[in-house]
Amino acid sequence: MIPQRTCLGCRRSDDQDALIRLVRVGDEVVEGTSPRLPGRGAYLHPDAGCAETARRRNALRRAFGAGARPAESLLRRLGEIAPGWIQTASGE
């Protein structure tokens, strides 16, 4: 049985395999490409609607704390899905 996780954007539960795992490492949030990467994790569907909703709701800060910032590699990945992530990062 595949574990179920909740998307930061749409708040729907889905198979863990269908979501991007995000992990806080130090002060940065990175894409958890390794299932064994330690740290607090959260999940996001890899589609524009969920990524944009998560951005508007400040879901990363809520999930990982105010001091956590997306790593450049994660911003690029999310920017490919939803361009608003890149605009937000450049405006901060």
PDB file of N, CA and C in Angstrom:
ATOM      1  N   MET A   1       0.843  -1.181   0.000  1.00  0.00           N
ATOM      2  CA  MET A   1       0.000   0.000   0.000  1.00  0.00           C
ATOM      3  C   MET A   1       0.892   1.249   0.000  1.00  0.00           C
ATOM      4  N   ILE A   2       0.598   2.177  -0.891  1.00  0.00           N
ATOM      5  CA  ILE A   2       1.369   3.419  -1.017  1.00  0.00           C
ATOM      6  C   ILE A   2       0.862   4.419   0.021  1.00  0.00           C
ATOM      7  N   PRO A   3       1.774   5.042   0.779  1.00  0.00           N
ATOM      8  CA  PRO A   3       1.346   6.037   1.774  1.00  0.00           C
ATOM      9  C   PRO A   3       0.628   7.217   1.114  1.00  0.00           C
ATOM     10  N   GLN A   4      -0.339   7.768   1.829  1.00  0.00           N
ATOM     11  CA  GLN A   4      -1.086   8.936   1.376  1.00  0.00           C
ATOM     12  C   GLN A   4      -0.502  10.185   2.028  1.00  0.00           C
ATOM     13  N   ARG A   5      -0.396  11.256   1.253  1.00  0.00           N
ATOM     14  CA  ARG A   5       0.099  12.534   1.753  1.00  0.00           C
ATOM     15  C   ARG A   5      -0.848  13.639   1.278  1.00  0.00           C
ATOM     16  N   THR A   6      -0.821  14.774   1.952  1.00  0.00           N
ATOM     17  CA  THR A   6      -1.693  15.893   1.617  1.00  0.00           C
ATOM     18  C   THR A   6      -0.905  16.969   0.883  1.00  0.00           C
ATOM     19  N   CYS A   7      -1.452  17.460  -0.213  1.00  0.00           N
ATOM     20  CA  CYS A   7      -0.830  18.503  -1.026  1.00  0.00           C
ATOM     21  C   CYS A   7      -0.951  19.855  -0.317  1.00  0.00           C
ATOM     22  N   LEU A   8       0.148  20.619  -0.306  1.00  0.00           N
ATOM     23  CA  LEU A   8       0.139  21.962   0.283  1.00  0.00           C
ATOM     24  C   LEU A   8      -0.788  22.913  -0.471  1.00  0.00           C
ATOM     25  N   GLY A   9      -0.984  22.673  -1.758  1.00  0.00           N
ATOM     26  CA  GLY A   9      -1.796  23.573  -2.570  1.00  0.00           C
ATOM     27  C   GLY A   9      -3.283  23.303  -2.452  1.00  0.00           C
ATOM     28  N   CYS A  10      -3.713  22.135  -2.911  1.00  0.00           N
ATOM     29  CA  CYS A  10      -5.143  21.827  -2.973  1.00  0.00           C
ATOM     30  C   CYS A  10      -5.674  21.177  -1.702  1.00  0.00           C
ATOM     31  N   ARG A  11      -4.769  20.721  -0.821  1.00  0.00           N
ATOM     32  CA  ARG A  11      -5.127  20.067   0.439  1.00  0.00           C
ATOM     33  C   ARG A  11      -5.807  18.713   0.237  1.00  0.00           C
ATOM     34  N   ARG A  12      -5.712  18.141  -0.974  1.00  0.00           N
ATOM     35  CA  ARG A  12      -6.255  16.803  -1.222  1.00  0.00           C
ATOM     36  C   ARG A  12      -5.204  15.760  -0.888  1.00  0.00           C
ATOM     37  N   SER A  13      -5.658  14.611  -0.412  1.00  0.00           N
ATOM     38  CA  SER A  13      -4.752  13.487  -0.177  1.00  0.00           C
ATOM     39  C   SER A  13      -4.541  12.746  -1.478  1.00  0.00           C
ATOM     40  N   ASP A  14      -3.317  12.230  -1.659  1.00  0.00           N
ATOM     41  CA  ASP A  14      -2.982  11.486  -2.866  1.00  0.00           C
ATOM     42  C   ASP A  14      -1.844  10.534  -2.520  1.00  0.00           C
ATOM     43  N   ASP A  15      -1.566   9.611  -3.444  1.00  0.00           N
ATOM     44  CA  ASP A  15      -0.432   8.714  -3.257  1.00  0.00           C
ATOM     45  C   ASP A  15       0.849   9.530  -3.165  1.00  0.00           C
ATOM     46  N   GLN A  16       1.713   9.146  -2.264  1.00  0.00           N
ATOM     47  CA  GLN A  16       2.984   9.845  -2.074  1.00  0.00           C
ATOM     48  C   GLN A  16       3.767   9.934  -3.379  1.00  0.00           C
ATOM     49  N   ASP A  17       3.674   8.897  -4.211  1.00  0.00           N
ATOM     50  CA  ASP A  17       4.401   8.866  -5.481  1.00  0.00           C
ATOM     51  C   ASP A  17       3.932   9.933  -6.471  1.00  0.00           C
ATOM     52  N   ALA A  18       2.707  10.444  -6.299  1.00  0.00           N
ATOM     53  CA  ALA A  18       2.146  11.422  -7.233  1.00  0.00           C
ATOM     54  C   ALA A  18       2.497  12.860  -6.853  1.00  0.00           C
ATOM     55  N   LEU A  19       3.220  13.043  -5.755  1.00  0.00           N
ATOM     56  CA  LEU A  19       3.511  14.373  -5.231  1.00  0.00           C
ATOM     57  C   LEU A  19       5.008  14.645  -5.209  1.00  0.00           C
ATOM     58  N   ILE A  20       5.377  15.918  -5.236  1.00  0.00           N
ATOM     59  CA  ILE A  20       6.768  16.340  -5.059  1.00  0.00           C
ATOM     60  C   ILE A  20       6.992  16.472  -3.555  1.00  0.00           C
ATOM     61  N   ARG A  21       8.042  15.843  -3.053  1.00  0.00           N
ATOM     62  CA  ARG A  21       8.369  15.969  -1.631  1.00  0.00           C
ATOM     63  C   ARG A  21       9.273  17.183  -1.437  1.00  0.00           C
ATOM     64  N   LEU A  22       8.915  18.031  -0.494  1.00  0.00           N
ATOM     65  CA  LEU A  22       9.703  19.203  -0.138  1.00  0.00           C
ATOM     66  C   LEU A  22      10.241  18.985   1.269  1.00  0.00           C
ATOM     67  N   VAL A  23      11.513  19.317   1.484  1.00  0.00           N
ATOM     68  CA  VAL A  23      12.158  19.054   2.768  1.00  0.00           C
ATOM     69  C   VAL A  23      12.920  20.292   3.218  1.00  0.00           C
ATOM     70  N   ARG A  24      12.823  20.593   4.499  1.00  0.00           N
ATOM     71  CA  ARG A  24      13.626  21.689   5.058  1.00  0.00           C
ATOM     72  C   ARG A  24      14.973  21.128   5.495  1.00  0.00           C
ATOM     73  N   VAL A  25      16.023  21.719   4.935  1.00  0.00           N
ATOM     74  CA  VAL A  25      17.393  21.367   5.299  1.00  0.00           C
ATOM     75  C   VAL A  25      18.059  22.666   5.738  1.00  0.00           C
ATOM     76  N   GLY A  26      18.280  22.811   7.016  1.00  0.00           N
ATOM     77  CA  GLY A  26      18.796  24.077   7.533  1.00  0.00           C
ATOM     78  C   GLY A  26      17.742  25.158   7.359  1.00  0.00           C
ATOM     79  N   ASP A  27      18.114  26.249   6.702  1.00  0.00           N
ATOM     80  CA  ASP A  27      17.172  27.348   6.450  1.00  0.00           C
ATOM     81  C   ASP A  27      16.542  27.280   5.070  1.00  0.00           C
ATOM     82  N   GLU A  28      16.865  26.243   4.297  1.00  0.00           N
ATOM     83  CA  GLU A  28      16.352  26.144   2.931  1.00  0.00           C
ATOM     84  C   GLU A  28      15.357  24.998   2.791  1.00  0.00           C
ATOM     85  N   VAL A  29      14.419  25.193   1.879  1.00  0.00           N
ATOM     86  CA  VAL A  29      13.495  24.132   1.494  1.00  0.00           C
ATOM     87  C   VAL A  29      13.957  23.632   0.137  1.00  0.00           C
ATOM     88  N   VAL A  30      14.178  22.328   0.027  1.00  0.00           N
ATOM     89  CA  VAL A  30      14.665  21.721  -1.207  1.00  0.00           C
ATOM     90  C   VAL A  30      13.700  20.631  -1.644  1.00  0.00           C
ATOM     91  N   GLU A  31      13.838  20.219  -2.904  1.00  0.00           N
ATOM     92  CA  GLU A  31      13.062  19.082  -3.384  1.00  0.00           C
ATOM     93  C   GLU A  31      13.708  17.818  -2.842  1.00  0.00           C
ATOM     94  N   GLY A  32      12.930  17.009  -2.163  1.00  0.00           N
ATOM     95  CA  GLY A  32      13.442  15.776  -1.563  1.00  0.00           C
ATOM     96  C   GLY A  32      13.483  14.660  -2.578  1.00  0.00           C
ATOM     97  N   THR A  33      14.543  14.619  -3.378  1.00  0.00           N
ATOM     98  CA  THR A  33      14.644  13.596  -4.416  1.00  0.00           C
ATOM     99  C   THR A  33      14.962  12.229  -3.836  1.00  0.00           C
ATOM    100  N   SER A  34      15.559  12.185  -2.669  1.00  0.00           N
ATOM    101  CA  SER A  34      15.849  10.922  -2.001  1.00  0.00           C
ATOM    102  C   SER A  34      14.792  10.687  -0.928  1.00  0.00           C
ATOM    103  N   PRO A  35      14.173   9.512  -0.903  1.00  0.00           N
ATOM    104  CA  PRO A  35      13.152   9.264   0.119  1.00  0.00           C
ATOM    105  C   PRO A  35      13.726   9.229   1.529  1.00  0.00           C
ATOM    106  N   ARG A  36      15.028   9.104   1.638  1.00  0.00           N
ATOM    107  CA  ARG A  36      15.658   9.038   2.956  1.00  0.00           C
ATOM    108  C   ARG A  36      16.248  10.377   3.402  1.00  0.00           C
ATOM    109  N   LEU A  37      16.039  11.421   2.620  1.00  0.00           N
ATOM    110  CA  LEU A  37      16.546  12.735   3.009  1.00  0.00           C
ATOM    111  C   LEU A  37      15.870  13.142   4.315  1.00  0.00           C
ATOM    112  N   PRO A  38      16.662  13.365   5.372  1.00  0.00           N
ATOM    113  CA  PRO A  38      16.053  13.687   6.666  1.00  0.00           C
ATOM    114  C   PRO A  38      15.519  15.112   6.688  1.00  0.00           C
ATOM    115  N   GLY A  39      14.663  15.367   7.627  1.00  0.00           N
ATOM    116  CA  GLY A  39      14.127  16.707   7.798  1.00  0.00           C
ATOM    117  C   GLY A  39      12.620  16.721   7.685  1.00  0.00           C
ATOM    118  N   ARG A  40      12.049  17.827   8.075  1.00  0.00           N
ATOM    119  CA  ARG A  40      10.598  17.986   8.006  1.00  0.00           C
ATOM    120  C   ARG A  40      10.174  18.010   6.545  1.00  0.00           C
ATOM    121  N   GLY A  41       9.140  17.260   6.207  1.00  0.00           N
ATOM    122  CA  GLY A  41       8.698  17.170   4.822  1.00  0.00           C
ATOM    123  C   GLY A  41       7.284  17.677   4.620  1.00  0.00           C
ATOM    124  N   ALA A  42       7.000  18.084   3.402  1.00  0.00           N
ATOM    125  CA  ALA A  42       5.663  18.475   2.965  1.00  0.00           C
ATOM    126  C   ALA A  42       5.563  18.068   1.499  1.00  0.00           C
ATOM    127  N   TYR A  43       4.354  18.061   0.954  1.00  0.00           N
ATOM    128  CA  TYR A  43       4.146  17.535  -0.389  1.00  0.00           C
ATOM    129  C   TYR A  43       3.315  18.490  -1.226  1.00  0.00           C
ATOM    130  N   LEU A  44       3.542  18.421  -2.545  1.00  0.00           N
ATOM    131  CA  LEU A  44       2.869  19.309  -3.485  1.00  0.00           C
ATOM    132  C   LEU A  44       2.650  18.574  -4.799  1.00  0.00           C
ATOM    133  N   HIS A  45       1.429  18.677  -5.350  1.00  0.00           N
ATOM    134  CA  HIS A  45       1.190  18.119  -6.686  1.00  0.00           C
ATOM    135  C   HIS A  45       2.035  18.883  -7.706  1.00  0.00           C
ATOM    136  N   PRO A  46       2.585  18.197  -8.697  1.00  0.00           N
ATOM    137  CA  PRO A  46       3.408  18.875  -9.712  1.00  0.00           C
ATOM    138  C   PRO A  46       2.558  19.507 -10.813  1.00  0.00           C
ATOM    139  N   ASP A  47       1.618  20.360 -10.444  1.00  0.00           N
ATOM    140  CA  ASP A  47       0.826  21.061 -11.458  1.00  0.00           C
ATOM    141  C   ASP A  47       0.696  22.537 -11.089  1.00  0.00           C
ATOM    142  N   ALA A  48       0.405  23.341 -12.087  1.00  0.00           N
ATOM    143  CA  ALA A  48       0.391  24.797 -11.921  1.00  0.00           C
ATOM    144  C   ALA A  48      -0.634  25.260 -10.890  1.00  0.00           C
ATOM    145  N   GLY A  49      -1.807  24.665 -10.884  1.00  0.00           N
ATOM    146  CA  GLY A  49      -2.848  25.091  -9.951  1.00  0.00           C
ATOM    147  C   GLY A  49      -2.437  24.929  -8.500  1.00  0.00           C
ATOM    148  N   CYS A  50      -1.900  23.764  -8.169  1.00  0.00           N
ATOM    149  CA  CYS A  50      -1.478  23.508  -6.786  1.00  0.00           C
ATOM    150  C   CYS A  50      -0.273  24.361  -6.415  1.00  0.00           C
ATOM    151  N   ALA A  51       0.681  24.487  -7.322  1.00  0.00           N
ATOM    152  CA  ALA A  51       1.874  25.291  -7.041  1.00  0.00           C
ATOM    153  C   ALA A  51       1.499  26.754  -6.831  1.00  0.00           C
ATOM    154  N   GLU A  52       0.602  27.271  -7.646  1.00  0.00           N
ATOM    155  CA  GLU A  52       0.182  28.671  -7.522  1.00  0.00           C
ATOM    156  C   GLU A  52      -0.615  28.893  -6.234  1.00  0.00           C
ATOM    157  N   THR A  53      -1.496  27.961  -5.903  1.00  0.00           N
ATOM    158  CA  THR A  53      -2.265  28.076  -4.664  1.00  0.00           C
ATOM    159  C   THR A  53      -1.340  28.042  -3.453  1.00  0.00           C
ATOM    160  N   ALA A  54      -0.364  27.157  -3.468  1.00  0.00           N
ATOM    161  CA  ALA A  54       0.604  27.075  -2.367  1.00  0.00           C
ATOM    162  C   ALA A  54       1.383  28.385  -2.241  1.00  0.00           C
ATOM    163  N   ARG A  55       1.750  28.983  -3.371  1.00  0.00           N
ATOM    164  CA  ARG A  55       2.479  30.257  -3.340  1.00  0.00           C
ATOM    165  C   ARG A  55       1.612  31.364  -2.741  1.00  0.00           C
ATOM    166  N   ARG A  56       0.368  31.471  -3.199  1.00  0.00           N
ATOM    167  CA  ARG A  56      -0.536  32.518  -2.704  1.00  0.00           C
ATOM    168  C   ARG A  56      -0.821  32.374  -1.210  1.00  0.00           C
ATOM    169  N   ARG A  57      -0.894  31.153  -0.739  1.00  0.00           N
ATOM    170  CA  ARG A  57      -1.197  30.890   0.676  1.00  0.00           C
ATOM    171  C   ARG A  57       0.043  30.916   1.573  1.00  0.00           C
ATOM    172  N   ASN A  58       1.216  31.175   0.987  1.00  0.00           N
ATOM    173  CA  ASN A  58       2.469  31.108   1.754  1.00  0.00           C
ATOM    174  C   ASN A  58       2.602  29.765   2.452  1.00  0.00           C
ATOM    175  N   ALA A  59       2.254  28.700   1.741  1.00  0.00           N
ATOM    176  CA  ALA A  59       2.214  27.365   2.332  1.00  0.00           C
ATOM    177  C   ALA A  59       3.586  26.869   2.783  1.00  0.00           C
ATOM    178  N   LEU A  60       4.656  27.261   2.085  1.00  0.00           N
ATOM    179  CA  LEU A  60       5.986  26.814   2.509  1.00  0.00           C
ATOM    180  C   LEU A  60       6.344  27.406   3.866  1.00  0.00           C
ATOM    181  N   ARG A  61       6.071  28.666   4.059  1.00  0.00           N
ATOM    182  CA  ARG A  61       6.370  29.296   5.356  1.00  0.00           C
ATOM    183  C   ARG A  61       5.522  28.692   6.461  1.00  0.00           C
ATOM    184  N   ARG A  62       4.279  28.390   6.159  1.00  0.00           N
ATOM    185  CA  ARG A  62       3.407  27.794   7.164  1.00  0.00           C
ATOM    186  C   ARG A  62       3.865  26.372   7.505  1.00  0.00           C
ATOM    187  N   ALA A  63       4.298  25.624   6.504  1.00  0.00           N
ATOM    188  CA  ALA A  63       4.712  24.236   6.731  1.00  0.00           C
ATOM    189  C   ALA A  63       6.085  24.129   7.381  1.00  0.00           C
ATOM    190  N   PHE A  64       6.997  25.039   7.021  1.00  0.00           N
ATOM    191  CA  PHE A  64       8.388  24.903   7.453  1.00  0.00           C
ATOM    192  C   PHE A  64       8.865  25.989   8.409  1.00  0.00           C
ATOM    193  N   GLY A  65       8.056  27.003   8.660  1.00  0.00           N
ATOM    194  CA  GLY A  65       8.461  28.083   9.554  1.00  0.00           C
ATOM    195  C   GLY A  65       8.896  29.312   8.776  1.00  0.00           C
ATOM    196  N   ALA A  66       8.830  30.450   9.437  1.00  0.00           N
ATOM    197  CA  ALA A  66       9.105  31.729   8.781  1.00  0.00           C
ATOM    198  C   ALA A  66      10.538  31.851   8.285  1.00  0.00           C
ATOM    199  N   GLY A  67      11.489  31.176   8.914  1.00  0.00           N
ATOM    200  CA  GLY A  67      12.893  31.297   8.514  1.00  0.00           C
ATOM    201  C   GLY A  67      13.275  30.464   7.309  1.00  0.00           C
ATOM    202  N   ALA A  68      12.378  29.607   6.850  1.00  0.00           N
ATOM    203  CA  ALA A  68      12.697  28.724   5.718  1.00  0.00           C
ATOM    204  C   ALA A  68      12.461  29.439   4.398  1.00  0.00           C
ATOM    205  N   ARG A  69      13.433  29.319   3.486  1.00  0.00           N
ATOM    206  CA  ARG A  69      13.322  29.925   2.157  1.00  0.00           C
ATOM    207  C   ARG A  69      13.564  28.852   1.113  1.00  0.00           C
ATOM    208  N   PRO A  70      12.839  28.895   0.002  1.00  0.00           N
ATOM    209  CA  PRO A  70      13.071  27.906  -1.056  1.00  0.00           C
ATOM    210  C   PRO A  70      14.472  28.040  -1.642  1.00  0.00           C
ATOM    211  N   ALA A  71      15.146  26.927  -1.825  1.00  0.00           N
ATOM    212  CA  ALA A  71      16.460  26.916  -2.473  1.00  0.00           C
ATOM    213  C   ALA A  71      16.294  27.304  -3.937  1.00  0.00           C
ATOM    214  N   GLU A  72      17.368  27.805  -4.553  1.00  0.00           N
ATOM    215  CA  GLU A  72      17.320  28.204  -5.970  1.00  0.00           C
ATOM    216  C   GLU A  72      16.856  27.054  -6.859  1.00  0.00           C
ATOM    217  N   SER A  73      17.337  25.848  -6.590  1.00  0.00           N
ATOM    218  CA  SER A  73      16.948  24.697  -7.412  1.00  0.00           C
ATOM    219  C   SER A  73      15.452  24.426  -7.295  1.00  0.00           C
ATOM    220  N   LEU A  74      14.887  24.600  -6.112  1.00  0.00           N
ATOM    221  CA  LEU A  74      13.451  24.402  -5.933  1.00  0.00           C
ATOM    222  C   LEU A  74      12.670  25.512  -6.626  1.00  0.00           C
ATOM    223  N   LEU A  75      13.143  26.751  -6.543  1.00  0.00           N
ATOM    224  CA  LEU A  75      12.468  27.852  -7.240  1.00  0.00           C
ATOM    225  C   LEU A  75      12.438  27.620  -8.747  1.00  0.00           C
ATOM    226  N   ARG A  76      13.551  27.115  -9.298  1.00  0.00           N
ATOM    227  CA  ARG A  76      13.571  26.814 -10.737  1.00  0.00           C
ATOM    228  C   ARG A  76      12.541  25.744 -11.076  1.00  0.00           C
ATOM    229  N   ARG A  77      12.483  24.689 -10.272  1.00  0.00           N
ATOM    230  CA  ARG A  77      11.538  23.587 -10.514  1.00  0.00           C
ATOM    231  C   ARG A  77      10.102  24.087 -10.412  1.00  0.00           C
ATOM    232  N   LEU A  78       9.796  24.849  -9.359  1.00  0.00           N
ATOM    233  CA  LEU A  78       8.444  25.376  -9.198  1.00  0.00           C
ATOM    234  C   LEU A  78       8.128  26.413 -10.265  1.00  0.00           C
ATOM    235  N   GLY A  79       9.132  27.168 -10.702  1.00  0.00           N
ATOM    236  CA  GLY A  79       8.941  28.145 -11.773  1.00  0.00           C
ATOM    237  C   GLY A  79       8.601  27.497 -13.099  1.00  0.00           C
ATOM    238  N   GLU A  80       9.090  26.276 -13.319  1.00  0.00           N
ATOM    239  CA  GLU A  80       8.727  25.526 -14.526  1.00  0.00           C
ATOM    240  C   GLU A  80       7.256  25.130 -14.484  1.00  0.00           C
ATOM    241  N   ILE A  81       6.756  24.872 -13.283  1.00  0.00           N
ATOM    242  CA  ILE A  81       5.367  24.454 -13.107  1.00  0.00           C
ATOM    243  C   ILE A  81       4.440  25.668 -13.091  1.00  0.00           C
ATOM    244  N   ALA A  82       4.810  26.688 -12.309  1.00  0.00           N
ATOM    245  CA  ALA A  82       3.986  27.897 -12.151  1.00  0.00           C
ATOM    246  C   ALA A  82       4.905  29.118 -12.125  1.00  0.00           C
ATOM    247  N   PRO A  83       4.950  29.902 -13.200  1.00  0.00           N
ATOM    248  CA  PRO A  83       5.879  31.032 -13.305  1.00  0.00           C
ATOM    249  C   PRO A  83       5.779  32.059 -12.179  1.00  0.00           C
ATOM    250  N   GLY A  84       4.691  32.113 -11.455  1.00  0.00           N
ATOM    251  CA  GLY A  84       4.554  33.058 -10.347  1.00  0.00           C
ATOM    252  C   GLY A  84       5.606  32.877  -9.266  1.00  0.00           C
ATOM    253  N   TRP A  85       6.136  31.669  -9.135  1.00  0.00           N
ATOM    254  CA  TRP A  85       7.175  31.422  -8.132  1.00  0.00           C
ATOM    255  C   TRP A  85       8.422  32.233  -8.441  1.00  0.00           C
ATOM    256  N   ILE A  86       8.805  32.333  -9.696  1.00  0.00           N
ATOM    257  CA  ILE A  86      10.005  33.081 -10.078  1.00  0.00           C
ATOM    258  C   ILE A  86       9.771  34.571  -9.846  1.00  0.00           C
ATOM    259  N   GLN A  87       8.597  35.070 -10.207  1.00  0.00           N
ATOM    260  CA  GLN A  87       8.290  36.487 -10.014  1.00  0.00           C
ATOM    261  C   GLN A  87       8.295  36.850  -8.542  1.00  0.00           C
ATOM    262  N   THR A  88       7.771  35.974  -7.690  1.00  0.00           N
ATOM    263  CA  THR A  88       7.758  36.226  -6.251  1.00  0.00           C
ATOM    264  C   THR A  88       9.173  36.278  -5.707  1.00  0.00           C
ATOM    265  N   ALA A  89      10.014  35.355  -6.123  1.00  0.00           N
ATOM    266  CA  ALA A  89      11.390  35.295  -5.621  1.00  0.00           C
ATOM    267  C   ALA A  89      12.180  36.526  -6.036  1.00  0.00           C
ATOM    268  N   SER A  90      11.984  36.997  -7.261  1.00  0.00           N
ATOM    269  CA  SER A  90      12.744  38.157  -7.720  1.00  0.00           C
ATOM    270  C   SER A  90      12.242  39.444  -7.078  1.00  0.00           C
ATOM    271  N   GLY A  91      11.001  39.451  -6.604  1.00  0.00           N
ATOM    272  CA  GLY A  91      10.441  40.637  -5.981  1.00  0.00           C
ATOM    273  C   GLY A  91      10.717  40.749  -4.503  1.00  0.00           C
ATOM    274  N   GLU A  92      11.264  39.713  -3.881  1.00  0.00           N
ATOM    275  CA  GLU A  92      11.523  39.745  -2.439  1.00  0.00           C
ATOM    276  C   GLU A  92      12.846  40.380  -2.135  1.00  0.00           C
TER     277      GLU A  92
END
